[in-house]
Amino acid sequence: MNKNKLIAGVDEVGRGSWIGPVFSAAVILKKNINKNLLKDSKKIPAKERKQLANYIKKNSIYSVGKASIKEIDKLNILQATLLSMKRAINNLKHKPNIILIDGTHVPKNMGYHFKTIIRGDEKIPAISAASIIAKVTRDRYITKLAKNFISYGWHTNFGYGTKKHLDAINKFGVTNHHRKSFKPIYNILLDKKK
């Protein structure tokens, strides 16, 4: 692999969820990978996404980074997302000379050449691959967590703001896995203090 031409794709998942860490992945695709298989992770059925994640792992250099609930609540979700991206990039075995990121923001003070691409997970195979790895990793984490919190429906809503999730919070309370700085959670906690 020519180290002078390494391009990494980076994407995050779980930014809008009410629970758990935010995850990012950084992926450098090997030349033999079938790029036609790679698309936005949200447009791939879960079973196929898991198979595709395994295929990507075998045909790429990849790493995952995350930022904790505490970091999200302390820094805000954007800064925590950028921190998770920074960790994913720093964990790569080979250092890319250009990093393509989905969205409009990049981690600061890293010394890399970044390029942001809006809807990059739909347009750039390396970013699509990163979105798939990040989503499968986070989904696995949340699915495991959900087993102890069945009433909240995390096994199907993955911590996003569904009616079932909100009803469960109102009935059973805020857990230590909830992001307390997120407005719906923050407001519920505020109401309980009154």
N, C-alpha and C. Protein backbone atom coordinates (compact mmCIF):
# COMPACT_ATOMS: atom_id res chain seq x y z
N MET A 1 0.85 -1.20 0.00
CA MET A 1 0.00 0.00 0.00
C MET A 1 0.88 1.24 0.00
N ASN A 2 0.61 2.15 -0.91
CA ASN A 2 1.39 3.39 -1.01
C ASN A 2 0.98 4.36 0.08
N LYS A 3 1.88 4.58 1.02
CA LYS A 3 1.54 5.43 2.17
C LYS A 3 1.35 6.90 1.79
N ASN A 4 1.87 7.27 0.61
CA ASN A 4 1.74 8.68 0.19
C ASN A 4 0.34 9.01 -0.30
N LYS A 5 -0.46 7.99 -0.59
CA LYS A 5 -1.79 8.25 -1.14
C LYS A 5 -2.91 7.64 -0.30
N LEU A 6 -2.72 7.66 0.98
CA LEU A 6 -3.75 7.09 1.85
C LEU A 6 -4.84 8.11 2.14
N ILE A 7 -6.07 7.72 1.80
CA ILE A 7 -7.24 8.57 2.04
C ILE A 7 -8.12 7.87 3.07
N ALA A 8 -8.45 8.58 4.13
CA ALA A 8 -9.34 8.02 5.16
C ALA A 8 -10.70 8.69 5.09
N GLY A 9 -11.74 7.91 5.25
CA GLY A 9 -13.10 8.43 5.39
C GLY A 9 -13.48 8.37 6.85
N VAL A 10 -14.16 9.39 7.33
CA VAL A 10 -14.56 9.45 8.75
C VAL A 10 -16.04 9.82 8.84
N ASP A 11 -16.76 9.11 9.72
CA ASP A 11 -18.16 9.44 9.99
C ASP A 11 -18.50 9.06 11.42
N GLU A 12 -19.59 9.66 11.92
CA GLU A 12 -20.04 9.39 13.29
C GLU A 12 -21.44 8.80 13.27
N VAL A 13 -21.83 8.25 14.40
CA VAL A 13 -23.20 7.76 14.56
C VAL A 13 -23.62 7.93 16.01
N GLY A 14 -24.92 8.21 16.19
CA GLY A 14 -25.47 8.34 17.54
C GLY A 14 -25.51 9.76 18.05
N ARG A 15 -25.29 10.71 17.17
CA ARG A 15 -25.25 12.11 17.61
C ARG A 15 -26.60 12.57 18.16
N GLY A 16 -27.69 12.13 17.54
CA GLY A 16 -29.02 12.58 17.96
C GLY A 16 -29.69 11.70 19.01
N SER A 17 -29.05 10.60 19.36
CA SER A 17 -29.61 9.70 20.36
C SER A 17 -29.62 10.36 21.74
N TRP A 18 -30.53 9.91 22.60
CA TRP A 18 -30.62 10.44 23.96
C TRP A 18 -29.74 9.68 24.94
N ILE A 19 -29.16 8.57 24.47
CA ILE A 19 -28.39 7.73 25.39
C ILE A 19 -27.01 7.37 24.82
N GLY A 20 -26.15 6.97 25.74
CA GLY A 20 -24.89 6.35 25.38
C GLY A 20 -23.86 7.25 24.72
N PRO A 21 -22.69 6.68 24.46
CA PRO A 21 -21.62 7.42 23.80
C PRO A 21 -21.95 7.72 22.34
N VAL A 22 -21.20 8.66 21.76
CA VAL A 22 -21.24 8.89 20.32
C VAL A 22 -20.02 8.15 19.76
N PHE A 23 -20.20 7.45 18.65
CA PHE A 23 -19.13 6.65 18.05
C PHE A 23 -18.73 7.23 16.69
N SER A 24 -17.45 7.14 16.38
CA SER A 24 -16.95 7.51 15.05
C SER A 24 -16.04 6.40 14.55
N ALA A 25 -15.93 6.30 13.23
CA ALA A 25 -14.98 5.36 12.63
C ALA A 25 -14.16 6.09 11.58
N ALA A 26 -12.92 5.65 11.43
CA ALA A 26 -12.03 6.13 10.38
C ALA A 26 -11.64 4.92 9.55
N VAL A 27 -11.75 5.02 8.23
CA VAL A 27 -11.50 3.86 7.36
C VAL A 27 -10.64 4.25 6.17
N ILE A 28 -9.57 3.47 5.95
CA ILE A 28 -8.76 3.59 4.74
C ILE A 28 -9.03 2.31 3.95
N LEU A 29 -9.66 2.45 2.80
CA LEU A 29 -10.03 1.28 2.00
C LEU A 29 -8.83 0.72 1.25
N LYS A 30 -8.74 -0.60 1.17
CA LYS A 30 -7.72 -1.25 0.34
C LYS A 30 -8.23 -1.24 -1.10
N LYS A 31 -7.29 -1.36 -2.04
CA LYS A 31 -7.64 -1.22 -3.47
C LYS A 31 -8.59 -2.30 -3.96
N ASN A 32 -8.54 -3.50 -3.35
CA ASN A 32 -9.34 -4.62 -3.86
C ASN A 32 -10.80 -4.59 -3.42
N ILE A 33 -11.19 -3.66 -2.56
CA ILE A 33 -12.57 -3.64 -2.04
C ILE A 33 -13.57 -3.26 -3.13
N ASN A 34 -14.75 -3.87 -3.09
CA ASN A 34 -15.81 -3.55 -4.05
C ASN A 34 -16.57 -2.32 -3.55
N LYS A 35 -16.25 -1.17 -4.12
CA LYS A 35 -16.84 0.09 -3.67
C LYS A 35 -18.33 0.21 -4.00
N ASN A 36 -18.79 -0.60 -4.94
CA ASN A 36 -20.22 -0.56 -5.30
C ASN A 36 -21.12 -1.04 -4.15
N LEU A 37 -20.55 -1.79 -3.23
CA LEU A 37 -21.33 -2.30 -2.09
C LEU A 37 -21.53 -1.23 -1.01
N LEU A 38 -20.72 -0.18 -1.08
CA LEU A 38 -20.68 0.80 0.02
C LEU A 38 -21.64 1.95 -0.21
N LYS A 39 -22.53 2.15 0.77
CA LYS A 39 -23.47 3.27 0.74
C LYS A 39 -23.79 3.70 2.17
N ASP A 40 -24.59 4.71 2.29
CA ASP A 40 -24.97 5.23 3.61
C ASP A 40 -25.53 4.10 4.48
N SER A 41 -24.97 3.95 5.68
CA SER A 41 -25.36 2.85 6.58
C SER A 41 -26.85 2.83 6.89
N LYS A 42 -27.49 4.01 6.91
CA LYS A 42 -28.92 4.09 7.25
C LYS A 42 -29.80 3.47 6.16
N LYS A 43 -29.23 3.29 4.97
CA LYS A 43 -30.01 2.74 3.84
C LYS A 43 -29.77 1.25 3.64
N ILE A 44 -29.10 0.62 4.60
CA ILE A 44 -28.80 -0.81 4.50
C ILE A 44 -29.49 -1.55 5.64
N PRO A 45 -30.22 -2.64 5.32
CA PRO A 45 -30.86 -3.42 6.40
C PRO A 45 -29.81 -3.93 7.40
N ALA A 46 -30.23 -4.06 8.67
CA ALA A 46 -29.31 -4.38 9.77
C ALA A 46 -28.47 -5.63 9.52
N LYS A 47 -29.08 -6.72 9.06
CA LYS A 47 -28.36 -7.97 8.84
C LYS A 47 -27.28 -7.79 7.76
N GLU A 48 -27.65 -7.14 6.68
CA GLU A 48 -26.71 -6.88 5.58
C GLU A 48 -25.59 -5.95 6.03
N ARG A 49 -25.95 -4.98 6.89
CA ARG A 49 -24.98 -4.01 7.39
C ARG A 49 -23.89 -4.72 8.21
N LYS A 50 -24.29 -5.70 9.03
CA LYS A 50 -23.32 -6.46 9.83
C LYS A 50 -22.36 -7.24 8.94
N GLN A 51 -22.90 -7.88 7.90
CA GLN A 51 -22.07 -8.64 6.95
C GLN A 51 -21.10 -7.70 6.23
N LEU A 52 -21.62 -6.55 5.84
CA LEU A 52 -20.82 -5.56 5.13
C LEU A 52 -19.71 -5.01 6.02
N ALA A 53 -20.02 -4.81 7.30
CA ALA A 53 -19.01 -4.32 8.25
C ALA A 53 -17.85 -5.31 8.35
N ASN A 54 -18.16 -6.60 8.37
CA ASN A 54 -17.11 -7.62 8.43
C ASN A 54 -16.27 -7.61 7.16
N TYR A 55 -16.94 -7.44 6.01
CA TYR A 55 -16.25 -7.36 4.72
C TYR A 55 -15.32 -6.15 4.69
N ILE A 56 -15.80 -5.01 5.16
CA ILE A 56 -15.00 -3.77 5.19
C ILE A 56 -13.77 -3.97 6.10
N LYS A 57 -13.99 -4.56 7.27
CA LYS A 57 -12.88 -4.78 8.22
C LYS A 57 -11.77 -5.62 7.60
N LYS A 58 -12.15 -6.62 6.78
CA LYS A 58 -11.16 -7.48 6.14
C LYS A 58 -10.43 -6.78 5.00
N ASN A 59 -11.03 -5.73 4.46
CA ASN A 59 -10.49 -5.07 3.27
C ASN A 59 -10.18 -3.59 3.49
N SER A 60 -9.76 -3.29 4.71
CA SER A 60 -9.43 -1.90 5.02
C SER A 60 -8.53 -1.82 6.24
N ILE A 61 -8.05 -0.61 6.47
CA ILE A 61 -7.42 -0.27 7.75
C ILE A 61 -8.48 0.60 8.43
N TYR A 62 -8.90 0.22 9.61
CA TYR A 62 -10.00 0.95 10.24
C TYR A 62 -9.76 1.09 11.74
N SER A 63 -10.44 2.04 12.32
CA SER A 63 -10.44 2.17 13.78
C SER A 63 -11.71 2.89 14.21
N VAL A 64 -12.02 2.74 15.49
CA VAL A 64 -13.23 3.34 16.05
C VAL A 64 -12.83 4.20 17.25
N GLY A 65 -13.52 5.32 17.40
CA GLY A 65 -13.34 6.17 18.57
C GLY A 65 -14.70 6.50 19.15
N LYS A 66 -14.74 6.78 20.43
CA LYS A 66 -16.02 7.18 21.02
C LYS A 66 -15.80 8.28 22.06
N ALA A 67 -16.87 8.99 22.35
CA ALA A 67 -16.87 9.97 23.43
C ALA A 67 -18.00 9.59 24.37
N SER A 68 -17.71 9.63 25.65
CA SER A 68 -18.64 9.15 26.67
C SER A 68 -19.79 10.12 26.93
N ILE A 69 -20.77 9.64 27.68
CA ILE A 69 -21.91 10.48 28.09
C ILE A 69 -21.40 11.68 28.89
N LYS A 70 -20.45 11.44 29.79
CA LYS A 70 -19.89 12.54 30.59
C LYS A 70 -19.25 13.59 29.70
N GLU A 71 -18.53 13.13 28.69
CA GLU A 71 -17.88 14.07 27.75
C GLU A 71 -18.92 14.83 26.93
N ILE A 72 -19.99 14.14 26.53
CA ILE A 72 -21.07 14.79 25.78
C ILE A 72 -21.71 15.88 26.64
N ASP A 73 -22.02 15.55 27.89
CA ASP A 73 -22.67 16.51 28.78
C ASP A 73 -21.76 17.67 29.17
N LYS A 74 -20.46 17.40 29.24
CA LYS A 74 -19.50 18.45 29.61
C LYS A 74 -19.16 19.37 28.42
N LEU A 75 -18.91 18.77 27.25
CA LEU A 75 -18.40 19.53 26.10
C LEU A 75 -19.49 20.06 25.18
N ASN A 76 -20.57 19.37 25.03
CA ASN A 76 -21.70 19.48 24.10
C ASN A 76 -21.52 18.43 23.01
N ILE A 77 -22.59 18.10 22.33
CA ILE A 77 -22.57 16.95 21.41
C ILE A 77 -21.64 17.18 20.21
N LEU A 78 -21.57 18.39 19.69
CA LEU A 78 -20.68 18.65 18.55
C LEU A 78 -19.22 18.41 18.94
N GLN A 79 -18.78 19.02 20.05
CA GLN A 79 -17.39 18.87 20.47
C GLN A 79 -17.07 17.43 20.85
N ALA A 80 -18.02 16.73 21.45
CA ALA A 80 -17.82 15.32 21.80
C ALA A 80 -17.71 14.47 20.53
N THR A 81 -18.52 14.80 19.52
CA THR A 81 -18.45 14.09 18.24
C THR A 81 -17.08 14.27 17.60
N LEU A 82 -16.59 15.50 17.61
CA LEU A 82 -15.26 15.78 17.04
C LEU A 82 -14.16 15.06 17.83
N LEU A 83 -14.36 14.95 19.14
CA LEU A 83 -13.41 14.20 19.98
C LEU A 83 -13.41 12.72 19.61
N SER A 84 -14.59 12.15 19.37
CA SER A 84 -14.67 10.74 18.97
C SER A 84 -14.01 10.53 17.61
N MET A 85 -14.16 11.51 16.71
CA MET A 85 -13.50 11.43 15.40
C MET A 85 -11.98 11.48 15.56
N LYS A 86 -11.52 12.39 16.40
CA LYS A 86 -10.09 12.55 16.67
C LYS A 86 -9.50 11.22 17.18
N ARG A 87 -10.22 10.58 18.09
CA ARG A 87 -9.76 9.30 18.65
C ARG A 87 -9.71 8.22 17.58
N ALA A 88 -10.72 8.18 16.71
CA ALA A 88 -10.73 7.19 15.62
C ALA A 88 -9.54 7.41 14.69
N ILE A 89 -9.29 8.66 14.33
CA ILE A 89 -8.16 8.99 13.43
C ILE A 89 -6.83 8.62 14.09
N ASN A 90 -6.67 8.99 15.35
CA ASN A 90 -5.42 8.70 16.08
C ASN A 90 -5.17 7.20 16.25
N ASN A 91 -6.24 6.40 16.23
CA ASN A 91 -6.10 4.95 16.40
C ASN A 91 -5.74 4.20 15.12
N LEU A 92 -5.76 4.89 13.98
CA LEU A 92 -5.40 4.23 12.71
C LEU A 92 -3.95 3.78 12.73
N LYS A 93 -3.69 2.57 12.22
CA LYS A 93 -2.32 2.04 12.18
C LYS A 93 -1.45 2.81 11.20
N HIS A 94 -2.03 3.24 10.10
CA HIS A 94 -1.31 4.04 9.11
C HIS A 94 -1.89 5.44 9.11
N LYS A 95 -1.05 6.43 8.92
CA LYS A 95 -1.50 7.82 8.94
C LYS A 95 -1.86 8.28 7.53
N PRO A 96 -3.11 8.68 7.33
CA PRO A 96 -3.53 9.14 5.99
C PRO A 96 -2.99 10.55 5.71
N ASN A 97 -2.89 10.88 4.41
CA ASN A 97 -2.46 12.25 4.11
C ASN A 97 -3.64 13.14 3.75
N ILE A 98 -4.82 12.56 3.61
CA ILE A 98 -6.04 13.36 3.48
C ILE A 98 -7.18 12.63 4.19
N ILE A 99 -8.00 13.39 4.88
CA ILE A 99 -9.13 12.81 5.61
C ILE A 99 -10.41 13.47 5.13
N LEU A 100 -11.33 12.63 4.65
CA LEU A 100 -12.63 13.09 4.17
C LEU A 100 -13.65 12.85 5.27
N ILE A 101 -14.34 13.92 5.68
CA ILE A 101 -15.29 13.83 6.79
C ILE A 101 -16.69 14.17 6.33
N ASP A 102 -17.65 13.36 6.78
CA ASP A 102 -19.06 13.64 6.50
C ASP A 102 -19.49 14.85 7.32
N GLY A 103 -20.13 15.82 6.66
CA GLY A 103 -20.64 16.99 7.38
C GLY A 103 -19.86 18.26 7.10
N THR A 104 -19.79 19.14 8.11
CA THR A 104 -19.19 20.46 7.90
C THR A 104 -18.12 20.82 8.92
N HIS A 105 -17.88 19.95 9.92
CA HIS A 105 -16.92 20.27 10.98
C HIS A 105 -15.77 19.27 11.00
N VAL A 106 -14.59 19.75 11.41
CA VAL A 106 -13.42 18.86 11.53
C VAL A 106 -12.78 19.02 12.91
N PRO A 107 -12.13 17.95 13.41
CA PRO A 107 -11.40 18.08 14.67
C PRO A 107 -10.25 19.07 14.49
N LYS A 108 -9.97 19.85 15.51
CA LYS A 108 -8.92 20.88 15.44
C LYS A 108 -7.57 20.35 15.90
N ASN A 109 -6.52 21.05 15.48
CA ASN A 109 -5.14 20.82 15.94
C ASN A 109 -4.67 19.38 15.76
N MET A 110 -4.89 18.83 14.58
CA MET A 110 -4.46 17.46 14.33
C MET A 110 -3.33 17.36 13.31
N GLY A 111 -3.11 18.41 12.54
CA GLY A 111 -2.02 18.39 11.57
C GLY A 111 -2.29 17.56 10.33
N TYR A 112 -3.55 17.30 10.05
CA TYR A 112 -3.94 16.58 8.83
C TYR A 112 -4.61 17.52 7.85
N HIS A 113 -4.64 17.08 6.58
CA HIS A 113 -5.40 17.82 5.57
C HIS A 113 -6.82 17.22 5.56
N PHE A 114 -7.80 18.03 5.94
CA PHE A 114 -9.19 17.59 6.00
C PHE A 114 -10.00 18.18 4.86
N LYS A 115 -11.01 17.43 4.43
CA LYS A 115 -12.00 17.96 3.51
C LYS A 115 -13.37 17.50 3.99
N THR A 116 -14.28 18.47 4.19
CA THR A 116 -15.63 18.11 4.63
C THR A 116 -16.53 17.95 3.41
N ILE A 117 -17.43 16.98 3.50
CA ILE A 117 -18.36 16.70 2.40
C ILE A 117 -19.75 16.49 2.98
N ILE A 118 -20.67 17.40 2.62
CA ILE A 118 -22.05 17.25 3.08
C ILE A 118 -22.66 16.03 2.40
N ARG A 119 -23.32 15.18 3.20
CA ARG A 119 -23.87 13.90 2.75
C ARG A 119 -22.78 13.01 2.13
N GLY A 120 -21.59 13.12 2.72
CA GLY A 120 -20.46 12.32 2.24
C GLY A 120 -20.69 10.83 2.36
N ASP A 121 -21.53 10.43 3.33
CA ASP A 121 -21.82 9.00 3.50
C ASP A 121 -22.61 8.43 2.32
N GLU A 122 -23.20 9.30 1.50
CA GLU A 122 -23.92 8.86 0.30
C GLU A 122 -23.04 8.94 -0.95
N LYS A 123 -21.95 9.73 -0.87
CA LYS A 123 -21.17 10.04 -2.07
C LYS A 123 -19.78 9.42 -2.12
N ILE A 124 -19.16 9.23 -0.96
CA ILE A 124 -17.75 8.82 -0.90
C ILE A 124 -17.65 7.44 -0.25
N PRO A 125 -17.17 6.41 -0.99
CA PRO A 125 -17.11 5.05 -0.44
C PRO A 125 -16.40 4.93 0.91
N ALA A 126 -15.28 5.65 1.10
CA ALA A 126 -14.55 5.54 2.37
C ALA A 126 -15.38 6.09 3.54
N ILE A 127 -16.17 7.14 3.28
CA ILE A 127 -17.05 7.68 4.33
C ILE A 127 -18.22 6.73 4.58
N SER A 128 -18.76 6.16 3.49
CA SER A 128 -19.83 5.16 3.64
C SER A 128 -19.35 3.99 4.50
N ALA A 129 -18.13 3.53 4.23
CA ALA A 129 -17.54 2.43 5.00
C ALA A 129 -17.41 2.81 6.48
N ALA A 130 -16.98 4.05 6.73
CA ALA A 130 -16.86 4.53 8.12
C ALA A 130 -18.22 4.58 8.79
N SER A 131 -19.25 5.02 8.06
CA SER A 131 -20.60 5.09 8.64
C SER A 131 -21.12 3.69 8.99
N ILE A 132 -20.79 2.71 8.16
CA ILE A 132 -21.23 1.32 8.40
C ILE A 132 -20.53 0.75 9.64
N ILE A 133 -19.21 0.92 9.71
CA ILE A 133 -18.45 0.41 10.88
C ILE A 133 -18.94 1.09 12.16
N ALA A 134 -19.10 2.41 12.13
CA ALA A 134 -19.52 3.15 13.33
C ALA A 134 -20.92 2.71 13.76
N LYS A 135 -21.83 2.54 12.79
CA LYS A 135 -23.22 2.18 13.13
C LYS A 135 -23.30 0.77 13.71
N VAL A 136 -22.62 -0.17 13.08
CA VAL A 136 -22.65 -1.55 13.57
C VAL A 136 -22.03 -1.63 14.97
N THR A 137 -20.95 -0.89 15.20
CA THR A 137 -20.29 -0.88 16.52
C THR A 137 -21.22 -0.30 17.58
N ARG A 138 -21.85 0.83 17.27
CA ARG A 138 -22.74 1.47 18.26
C ARG A 138 -24.00 0.63 18.48
N ASP A 139 -24.57 0.10 17.39
CA ASP A 139 -25.77 -0.73 17.52
C ASP A 139 -25.51 -1.94 18.42
N ARG A 140 -24.33 -2.55 18.27
CA ARG A 140 -23.97 -3.70 19.12
C ARG A 140 -23.89 -3.27 20.59
N TYR A 141 -23.29 -2.12 20.83
CA TYR A 141 -23.15 -1.58 22.18
C TYR A 141 -24.53 -1.31 22.81
N ILE A 142 -25.41 -0.65 22.05
CA ILE A 142 -26.74 -0.29 22.56
C ILE A 142 -27.62 -1.53 22.75
N THR A 143 -27.53 -2.49 21.83
CA THR A 143 -28.32 -3.73 21.93
C THR A 143 -27.98 -4.48 23.21
N LYS A 144 -26.69 -4.51 23.54
CA LYS A 144 -26.24 -5.16 24.78
C LYS A 144 -26.79 -4.41 26.00
N LEU A 145 -26.70 -3.10 25.95
CA LEU A 145 -27.18 -2.23 27.03
C LEU A 145 -28.70 -2.39 27.22
N ALA A 146 -29.41 -2.51 26.10
CA ALA A 146 -30.88 -2.56 26.09
C ALA A 146 -31.45 -3.73 26.87
N LYS A 147 -30.68 -4.81 26.98
CA LYS A 147 -31.16 -6.01 27.68
C LYS A 147 -31.53 -5.73 29.13
N ASN A 148 -30.89 -4.73 29.73
CA ASN A 148 -31.19 -4.37 31.12
C ASN A 148 -32.21 -3.23 31.24
N PHE A 149 -32.67 -2.74 30.09
CA PHE A 149 -33.62 -1.61 30.08
C PHE A 149 -34.72 -1.84 29.05
N ILE A 150 -35.34 -3.00 29.11
CA ILE A 150 -36.34 -3.42 28.11
C ILE A 150 -37.48 -2.41 27.96
N SER A 151 -37.93 -1.84 29.07
CA SER A 151 -39.08 -0.93 29.04
C SER A 151 -38.85 0.32 28.18
N TYR A 152 -37.58 0.69 27.99
CA TYR A 152 -37.26 1.91 27.23
C TYR A 152 -37.22 1.67 25.72
N GLY A 153 -37.24 0.40 25.31
CA GLY A 153 -37.28 0.07 23.89
C GLY A 153 -35.99 0.37 23.13
N TRP A 154 -34.87 0.40 23.84
CA TRP A 154 -33.61 0.74 23.17
C TRP A 154 -33.20 -0.28 22.13
N HIS A 155 -33.67 -1.53 22.27
CA HIS A 155 -33.34 -2.57 21.29
C HIS A 155 -33.95 -2.28 19.92
N THR A 156 -34.95 -1.38 19.88
CA THR A 156 -35.53 -1.00 18.58
C THR A 156 -35.32 0.48 18.25
N ASN A 157 -35.31 1.35 19.28
CA ASN A 157 -35.16 2.79 18.98
C ASN A 157 -33.71 3.29 19.14
N PHE A 158 -32.82 2.44 19.68
CA PHE A 158 -31.40 2.75 19.86
C PHE A 158 -31.17 4.08 20.60
N GLY A 159 -32.13 4.39 21.47
CA GLY A 159 -31.97 5.58 22.32
C GLY A 159 -32.47 6.87 21.71
N TYR A 160 -33.02 6.79 20.51
CA TYR A 160 -33.56 8.00 19.87
C TYR A 160 -34.91 8.35 20.49
N GLY A 161 -35.37 9.57 20.22
CA GLY A 161 -36.52 10.13 20.92
C GLY A 161 -37.88 9.67 20.42
N THR A 162 -38.18 8.41 20.55
CA THR A 162 -39.49 7.90 20.16
C THR A 162 -40.49 8.13 21.30
N LYS A 163 -41.76 7.98 20.99
CA LYS A 163 -42.81 8.13 22.00
C LYS A 163 -42.63 7.09 23.11
N LYS A 164 -42.33 5.85 22.72
CA LYS A 164 -42.14 4.78 23.70
C LYS A 164 -41.00 5.12 24.66
N HIS A 165 -39.94 5.66 24.11
CA HIS A 165 -38.78 6.02 24.94
C HIS A 165 -39.15 7.14 25.92
N LEU A 166 -39.82 8.16 25.42
CA LEU A 166 -40.24 9.28 26.26
C LEU A 166 -41.22 8.83 27.35
N ASP A 167 -42.18 7.99 26.96
CA ASP A 167 -43.16 7.45 27.93
C ASP A 167 -42.45 6.67 29.03
N ALA A 168 -41.43 5.89 28.64
CA ALA A 168 -40.68 5.08 29.61
C ALA A 168 -39.89 5.96 30.58
N ILE A 169 -39.32 7.04 30.06
CA ILE A 169 -38.58 7.98 30.93
C ILE A 169 -39.54 8.60 31.95
N ASN A 170 -40.71 9.02 31.47
CA ASN A 170 -41.70 9.63 32.37
C ASN A 170 -42.20 8.63 33.41
N LYS A 171 -42.26 7.35 33.04
CA LYS A 171 -42.77 6.33 33.95
C LYS A 171 -41.68 5.78 34.88
N PHE A 172 -40.50 5.48 34.32
CA PHE A 172 -39.45 4.79 35.08
C PHE A 172 -38.26 5.68 35.45
N GLY A 173 -38.20 6.87 34.86
CA GLY A 173 -37.14 7.82 35.21
C GLY A 173 -35.96 7.83 34.25
N VAL A 174 -35.09 8.79 34.48
CA VAL A 174 -33.87 8.97 33.69
C VAL A 174 -32.81 8.01 34.23
N THR A 175 -32.13 7.30 33.32
CA THR A 175 -31.08 6.35 33.74
C THR A 175 -29.71 7.04 33.71
N ASN A 176 -28.71 6.33 34.21
CA ASN A 176 -27.35 6.90 34.13
C ASN A 176 -26.75 6.77 32.74
N HIS A 177 -27.52 6.20 31.80
CA HIS A 177 -27.07 6.11 30.40
C HIS A 177 -27.64 7.25 29.55
N HIS A 178 -28.52 8.04 30.12
CA HIS A 178 -29.10 9.17 29.39
C HIS A 178 -28.14 10.37 29.38
N ARG A 179 -28.20 11.11 28.29
CA ARG A 179 -27.40 12.34 28.16
C ARG A 179 -28.18 13.47 28.84
N LYS A 180 -27.74 13.86 30.00
CA LYS A 180 -28.50 14.81 30.83
C LYS A 180 -28.56 16.22 30.24
N SER A 181 -27.63 16.54 29.34
CA SER A 181 -27.61 17.88 28.74
C SER A 181 -28.59 18.00 27.57
N PHE A 182 -29.12 16.87 27.09
CA PHE A 182 -30.06 16.91 25.97
C PHE A 182 -31.40 17.45 26.44
N LYS A 183 -31.98 18.35 25.68
CA LYS A 183 -33.14 19.12 26.11
C LYS A 183 -34.29 18.29 26.71
N PRO A 184 -34.75 17.23 26.03
CA PRO A 184 -35.87 16.47 26.62
C PRO A 184 -35.52 15.88 28.00
N ILE A 185 -34.30 15.36 28.13
CA ILE A 185 -33.86 14.77 29.40
C ILE A 185 -33.67 15.87 30.44
N TYR A 186 -33.02 16.94 30.02
CA TYR A 186 -32.76 18.10 30.89
C TYR A 186 -34.09 18.65 31.45
N ASN A 187 -35.08 18.79 30.57
CA ASN A 187 -36.40 19.33 30.98
C ASN A 187 -37.11 18.40 31.97
N ILE A 188 -37.01 17.10 31.73
CA ILE A 188 -37.64 16.14 32.65
C ILE A 188 -37.00 16.24 34.04
N LEU A 189 -35.67 16.32 34.06
CA LEU A 189 -34.95 16.43 35.34
C LEU A 189 -35.28 17.76 36.03
N LEU A 190 -35.43 18.81 35.23
CA LEU A 190 -35.76 20.14 35.75
C LEU A 190 -37.16 20.14 36.40
N ASP A 191 -38.11 19.49 35.71
CA ASP A 191 -39.49 19.39 36.23
C ASP A 191 -39.53 18.64 37.55
N LYS A 192 -38.66 17.61 37.68
CA LYS A 192 -38.66 16.81 38.92
C LYS A 192 -38.11 17.61 40.10
N LYS A 193 -37.27 18.61 39.81
CA LYS A 193 -36.70 19.44 40.87
C LYS A 193 -37.71 20.44 41.42
N LYS A 194 -38.72 20.75 40.61
CA LYS A 194 -39.71 21.78 40.99
C LYS A 194 -40.63 21.28 42.10
